[in-house]
C-alpha atoms as a PDB file:
ATOM      1  CA  MET A   1      -5.200 -17.256   8.310  1.00  0.00           C
ATOM      2  CA  ILE A   2      -2.539 -19.839   7.642  1.00  0.00           C
ATOM      3  CA  ASP A   3      -0.789 -19.650   4.274  1.00  0.00           C
ATOM      4  CA  ILE A   4       0.086 -22.542   1.980  1.00  0.00           C
ATOM      5  CA  PHE A   5       3.462 -22.881   3.722  1.00  0.00           C
ATOM      6  CA  GLY A   6       1.905 -23.241   7.196  1.00  0.00           C
ATOM      7  CA  ASN A   7       2.828 -19.697   8.257  1.00  0.00           C
ATOM      8  CA  GLU A   8       0.465 -17.179   9.793  1.00  0.00           C
ATOM      9  CA  GLN A   9       1.755 -14.060   8.009  1.00  0.00           C
ATOM     10  CA  CYS A  10      -0.839 -14.191   5.237  1.00  0.00           C
ATOM     11  CA  LYS A  11      -4.198 -12.393   5.098  1.00  0.00           C
ATOM     12  CA  PRO A  12      -6.849 -11.752   2.474  1.00  0.00           C
ATOM     13  CA  LEU A  13      -5.838  -8.730   0.392  1.00  0.00           C
ATOM     14  CA  LYS A  14      -7.738  -5.543   1.233  1.00  0.00           C
ATOM     15  CA  LYS A  15      -8.183  -2.408  -0.829  1.00  0.00           C
ATOM     16  CA  TYR A  16     -10.249   0.558   0.322  1.00  0.00           C
ATOM     17  CA  GLY A  17     -11.377  -1.535   3.291  1.00  0.00           C
ATOM     18  CA  LYS A  18     -12.825  -4.344   1.148  1.00  0.00           C
ATOM     19  CA  ILE A  19     -11.443  -7.843   0.726  1.00  0.00           C
ATOM     20  CA  ILE A  20     -10.407  -8.617  -2.857  1.00  0.00           C
ATOM     21  CA  PRO A  21     -11.549 -12.203  -3.605  1.00  0.00           C
ATOM     22  CA  ASN A  22      -8.933 -14.833  -4.486  1.00  0.00           C
ATOM     23  CA  TYR A  23      -5.907 -12.779  -3.403  1.00  0.00           C
ATOM     24  CA  TYR A  24      -3.796 -13.071  -0.269  1.00  0.00           C
ATOM     25  CA  ILE A  25      -0.910 -10.927   0.865  1.00  0.00           C
ATOM     26  CA  PHE A  26       2.078 -11.769   3.044  1.00  0.00           C
ATOM     27  CA  GLU A  27       3.746  -9.473   5.562  1.00  0.00           C
ATOM     28  CA  ASP A  28       6.644  -8.985   3.131  1.00  0.00           C
ATOM     29  CA  GLY A  29       4.313  -7.753   0.366  1.00  0.00           C
ATOM     30  CA  SER A  30       4.158 -10.933  -1.717  1.00  0.00           C
ATOM     31  CA  ILE A  31       0.715 -11.331  -3.275  1.00  0.00           C
ATOM     32  CA  ILE A  32      -0.629 -14.762  -4.188  1.00  0.00           C
ATOM     33  CA  HIS A  33      -3.611 -15.599  -6.366  1.00  0.00           C
ATOM     34  CA  SER A  34      -5.420 -18.458  -4.623  1.00  0.00           C
ATOM     35  CA  LYS A  35      -6.908 -19.975  -7.785  1.00  0.00           C
ATOM     36  CA  SER A  36      -3.564 -20.340  -9.573  1.00  0.00           C
ATOM     37  CA  ASN A  37      -1.431 -20.633  -6.394  1.00  0.00           C
ATOM     38  CA  LYS A  38       1.091 -18.316  -8.025  1.00  0.00           C
ATOM     39  CA  ILE A  39       2.814 -15.364  -6.433  1.00  0.00           C
ATOM     40  CA  ARG A  40       2.206 -12.252  -8.529  1.00  0.00           C
ATOM     41  CA  LYS A  41       5.342 -10.621  -9.877  1.00  0.00           C
ATOM     42  CA  PRO A  42       5.496  -6.925  -8.985  1.00  0.00           C
ATOM     43  CA  VAL A  43       6.344  -4.220 -11.495  1.00  0.00           C
ATOM     44  CA  THR A  44       8.718  -1.501 -10.322  1.00  0.00           C
ATOM     45  CA  ARG A  45       7.633   1.940 -11.471  1.00  0.00           C
ATOM     46  CA  PRO A  46      10.169   4.598 -12.524  1.00  0.00           C
ATOM     47  CA  ASP A  47       9.716   6.284  -9.131  1.00  0.00           C
ATOM     48  CA  GLY A  48      10.781   3.041  -7.388  1.00  0.00           C
ATOM     49  CA  TYR A  49       7.413   1.952  -5.983  1.00  0.00           C
ATOM     50  CA  GLN A  50       6.235  -1.593  -6.702  1.00  0.00           C
ATOM     51  CA  MET A  51       2.775  -2.456  -7.899  1.00  0.00           C
ATOM     52  CA  VAL A  52       0.739  -5.458  -9.036  1.00  0.00           C
ATOM     53  CA  SER A  53      -2.251  -5.667 -11.353  1.00  0.00           C
ATOM     54  CA  ILE A  54      -5.086  -7.756  -9.909  1.00  0.00           C
ATOM     55  CA  SER A  55      -8.412  -8.983 -11.261  1.00  0.00           C
ATOM     56  CA  ILE A  56     -11.462  -7.821  -9.365  1.00  0.00           C
ATOM     57  CA  PRO A  57     -15.209  -8.512  -9.486  1.00  0.00           C
ATOM     58  CA  LYS A  58     -16.984  -6.013 -11.718  1.00  0.00           C
ATOM     59  CA  ASP A  59     -19.117  -4.357  -9.038  1.00  0.00           C
ATOM     60  CA  LEU A  60     -16.836  -4.596  -5.994  1.00  0.00           C
ATOM     61  CA  PHE A  61     -16.410  -0.808  -5.796  1.00  0.00           C
ATOM     62  CA  ASP A  62     -19.224   1.504  -6.823  1.00  0.00           C
ATOM     63  CA  ASP A  63     -17.013   4.592  -6.864  1.00  0.00           C
ATOM     64  CA  PHE A  64     -13.972   3.248  -8.713  1.00  0.00           C
ATOM     65  CA  ASP A  65     -13.312   3.336 -12.450  1.00  0.00           C
ATOM     66  CA  TYR A  66     -12.163  -0.096 -13.638  1.00  0.00           C
ATOM     67  CA  TYR A  67     -10.188  -0.876 -16.731  1.00  0.00           C
ATOM     68  CA  LEU A  68      -9.943  -3.952 -18.920  1.00  0.00           C
ATOM     69  CA  GLN A  69      -6.581  -5.341 -19.966  1.00  0.00           C
ATOM     70  CA  GLU A  70      -6.230  -6.030 -23.653  1.00  0.00           C
ATOM     71  CA  GLY A  71      -7.671  -9.430 -24.543  1.00  0.00           C
ATOM     72  CA  ARG A  72      -9.374  -9.957 -21.165  1.00  0.00           C
ATOM     73  CA  ASN A  73     -12.950  -9.532 -19.977  1.00  0.00           C
ATOM     74  CA  THR A  74     -12.126  -9.284 -16.280  1.00  0.00           C
ATOM     75  CA  PRO A  75     -11.794  -5.813 -14.741  1.00  0.00           C
ATOM     76  CA  THR A  76      -8.382  -5.130 -13.216  1.00  0.00           C
ATOM     77  CA  MET A  77      -6.834  -2.555 -10.947  1.00  0.00           C
ATOM     78  CA  ASN A  78      -3.279  -1.732  -9.993  1.00  0.00           C
ATOM     79  CA  VAL A  79      -2.348  -1.799  -6.323  1.00  0.00           C
ATOM     80  CA  TYR A  80       0.750  -0.334  -4.741  1.00  0.00           C
ATOM     81  CA  ILE A  81       2.247  -3.091  -2.645  1.00  0.00           C
ATOM     82  CA  HIS A  82       3.330  -0.886   0.293  1.00  0.00           C
ATOM     83  CA  LYS A  83      -0.133   0.667   0.586  1.00  0.00           C
ATOM     84  CA  THR A  84      -1.822  -2.729   0.350  1.00  0.00           C
ATOM     85  CA  VAL A  85       0.431  -4.202   3.066  1.00  0.00           C
ATOM     86  CA  ALA A  86      -0.429  -1.244   5.298  1.00  0.00           C
ATOM     87  CA  ASP A  87      -4.190  -1.469   4.578  1.00  0.00           C
ATOM     88  CA  THR A  88      -4.170  -5.193   5.338  1.00  0.00           C
ATOM     89  CA  PHE A  89      -1.798  -5.578   8.287  1.00  0.00           C
ATOM     90  CA  MET A  90      -1.880  -2.195  10.013  1.00  0.00           C
ATOM     91  CA  PRO A  91      -5.241  -0.445   9.636  1.00  0.00           C
ATOM     92  CA  ILE A  92      -4.845   3.288  10.113  1.00  0.00           C
ATOM     93  CA  ASP A  93      -7.417   3.376  12.939  1.00  0.00           C
ATOM     94  CA  GLU A  94      -5.114   1.147  14.988  1.00  0.00           C
ATOM     95  CA  ASN A  95      -1.886   2.742  13.699  1.00  0.00           C
ATOM     96  CA  PRO A  96      -2.474   6.448  13.001  1.00  0.00           C
ATOM     97  CA  PRO A  97       0.484   8.720  12.178  1.00  0.00           C
ATOM     98  CA  LYS A  98       2.634   9.175  15.285  1.00  0.00           C
ATOM     99  CA  GLN A  99       1.923  12.874  15.724  1.00  0.00           C
ATOM    100  CA  LEU A 100      -1.844  12.144  15.742  1.00  0.00           C
ATOM    101  CA  LYS A 101      -1.832   8.982  17.848  1.00  0.00           C
ATOM    102  CA  ASP A 102      -2.524  10.603  21.245  1.00  0.00           C
ATOM    103  CA  THR A 103      -5.640  12.429  20.051  1.00  0.00           C
ATOM    104  CA  TRP A 104      -6.953   9.923  17.478  1.00  0.00           C
ATOM    105  CA  ASN A 105      -9.990   8.815  19.504  1.00  0.00           C
ATOM    106  CA  ASP A 106     -10.785  12.322  20.769  1.00  0.00           C
ATOM    107  CA  VAL A 107     -11.491  13.973  17.426  1.00  0.00           C
ATOM    108  CA  PRO A 108     -14.637  13.882  15.264  1.00  0.00           C
ATOM    109  CA  GLU A 109     -15.098  11.042  12.772  1.00  0.00           C
ATOM    110  CA  VAL A 110     -15.037  13.542   9.895  1.00  0.00           C
ATOM    111  CA  TRP A 111     -11.508  14.535  10.892  1.00  0.00           C
ATOM    112  CA  ARG A 112     -10.372  10.907  11.157  1.00  0.00           C
ATOM    113  CA  GLN A 113     -11.826  10.191   7.698  1.00  0.00           C
ATOM    114  CA  TRP A 114      -9.887  13.126   6.265  1.00  0.00           C
ATOM    115  CA  VAL A 115      -6.685  11.683   7.762  1.00  0.00           C
ATOM    116  CA  ARG A 116      -7.521   8.217   6.360  1.00  0.00           C
ATOM    117  CA  ASP A 117      -7.944   9.794   2.916  1.00  0.00           C
ATOM    118  CA  THR A 118      -4.735  11.848   3.019  1.00  0.00           C
ATOM    119  CA  ALA A 119      -2.265   9.807   5.094  1.00  0.00           C
ATOM    120  CA  GLN A 120       0.724   8.347   3.275  1.00  0.00           C
ATOM    121  CA  VAL A 121       2.609   5.098   3.828  1.00  0.00           C
ATOM    122  CA  ASP A 122       6.330   5.639   4.405  1.00  0.00           C
ATOM    123  CA  HIS A 123       9.224   3.179   4.019  1.00  0.00           C
ATOM    124  CA  LEU A 124      11.241   3.600   7.222  1.00  0.00           C
ATOM    125  CA  ASP A 125      14.532   2.549   5.607  1.00  0.00           C
ATOM    126  CA  ASP A 126      13.784   4.595   2.440  1.00  0.00           C
ATOM    127  CA  ASP A 127      14.044   1.400   0.338  1.00  0.00           C
ATOM    128  CA  LYS A 128      10.893   1.344  -1.793  1.00  0.00           C
ATOM    129  CA  SER A 129      11.392  -2.342  -2.611  1.00  0.00           C
ATOM    130  CA  ASN A 130      11.268  -3.305   1.089  1.00  0.00           C
ATOM    131  CA  ASN A 131       7.509  -3.622   1.580  1.00  0.00           C
ATOM    132  CA  HIS A 132       7.612  -5.653   4.803  1.00  0.00           C
ATOM    133  CA  VAL A 133       5.025  -4.507   7.335  1.00  0.00           C
ATOM    134  CA  SER A 134       7.801  -3.833   9.885  1.00  0.00           C
ATOM    135  CA  ASN A 135       9.319  -1.274   7.475  1.00  0.00           C
ATOM    136  CA  LEU A 136       6.135   0.757   6.969  1.00  0.00           C
ATOM    137  CA  GLU A 137       4.293   3.427   8.910  1.00  0.00           C
ATOM    138  CA  TYR A 138       1.601   5.997   8.251  1.00  0.00           C
ATOM    139  CA  LYS A 139       2.673   9.624   8.052  1.00  0.00           C
ATOM    140  CA  THR A 140       0.982  12.891   7.329  1.00  0.00           C
ATOM    141  CA  PRO A 141       1.868  14.434   3.966  1.00  0.00           C
ATOM    142  CA  GLN A 142       3.896  17.055   5.846  1.00  0.00           C
ATOM    143  CA  GLU A 143       5.929  14.391   7.658  1.00  0.00           C
ATOM    144  CA  ASN A 144       6.481  12.421   4.463  1.00  0.00           C
ATOM    145  CA  ASN A 145       7.512  15.414   2.364  1.00  0.00           C
ATOM    146  CA  ILE A 146      10.650  14.376   0.490  1.00  0.00           C
ATOM    147  CA  HIS A 147      12.412  17.668   1.218  1.00  0.00           C
ATOM    148  CA  ARG A 148      11.815  17.401   4.987  1.00  0.00           C
ATOM    149  CA  LYS A 149      12.922  13.768   4.919  1.00  0.00           C
ATOM    150  CA  GLY A 150      15.976  14.761   2.931  1.00  0.00           C
ATOM    151  CA  VAL A 151      17.081  17.241   5.573  1.00  0.00           C
ATOM    152  CA  LYS A 152      16.259  14.849   8.414  1.00  0.00           C
ATOM    153  CA  MET A 153      18.041  11.881   6.826  1.00  0.00           C
ATOM    154  CA  GLY A 154      20.951  13.928   5.470  1.00  0.00           C
ATOM    155  CA  TYR A 155      20.433  13.137   1.793  1.00  0.00           C
ATOM    156  CA  THR A 156      23.131  14.330  -0.537  1.00  0.00           C
ATOM    157  CA  ARG A 157      21.726  12.750  -3.680  1.00  0.00           C
ATOM    158  CA  ASP A 158      19.498  14.427  -6.253  1.00  0.00           C
ATOM    159  CA  ILE A 159      16.046  13.545  -4.942  1.00  0.00           C
ATOM    160  CA  HIS A 160      14.346  14.461  -8.236  1.00  0.00           C
ATOM    161  CA  ALA A 161      16.703  12.567 -10.559  1.00  0.00           C
ATOM    162  CA  HIS A 162      14.012  10.011 -11.481  1.00  0.00           C
ATOM    163  CA  ARG A 163      11.826  12.825 -12.881  1.00  0.00           C
ATOM    164  CA  ARG A 164      14.418  14.500 -15.086  1.00  0.00           C
ATOM    165  CA  ILE A 165      14.339  13.938 -18.830  1.00  0.00           C
ATOM    166  CA  LYS A 166      17.565  12.390 -20.022  1.00  0.00           C
END
């Protein structure tokens, strides 16, 4: 897919393996609505992750609870940008967590589905605003545990500061 700027880093946005109509995502995490030709502005959550609210067809997912924004009749859902970049540009079947990569095709499908459902997307540089596909990788929850990462990366900061009541 070639984007409106003539670049090939843009693909239809995917969520839960389905293409969301009228939305495209760039390798850097920018999301554009094709009808308005506007890039959606992300919201940064208190925990540092960025997300965007997108409009979706009413019956796109049969197992997902939609919500309506005030004053609108179109169902919407929030998508984490880093997870959406990973779903779109690096499907987990082609990029499983490193420790599982060697055995990925040798295990039962039920096991692979469990990993798909529980794997987490990690920011390699620990900058949650850097959602470029080159900065992301799938990890098991154990690998992505903030305390293990803290020891490995030598954190000295308070890793729970964003959760404390001030």
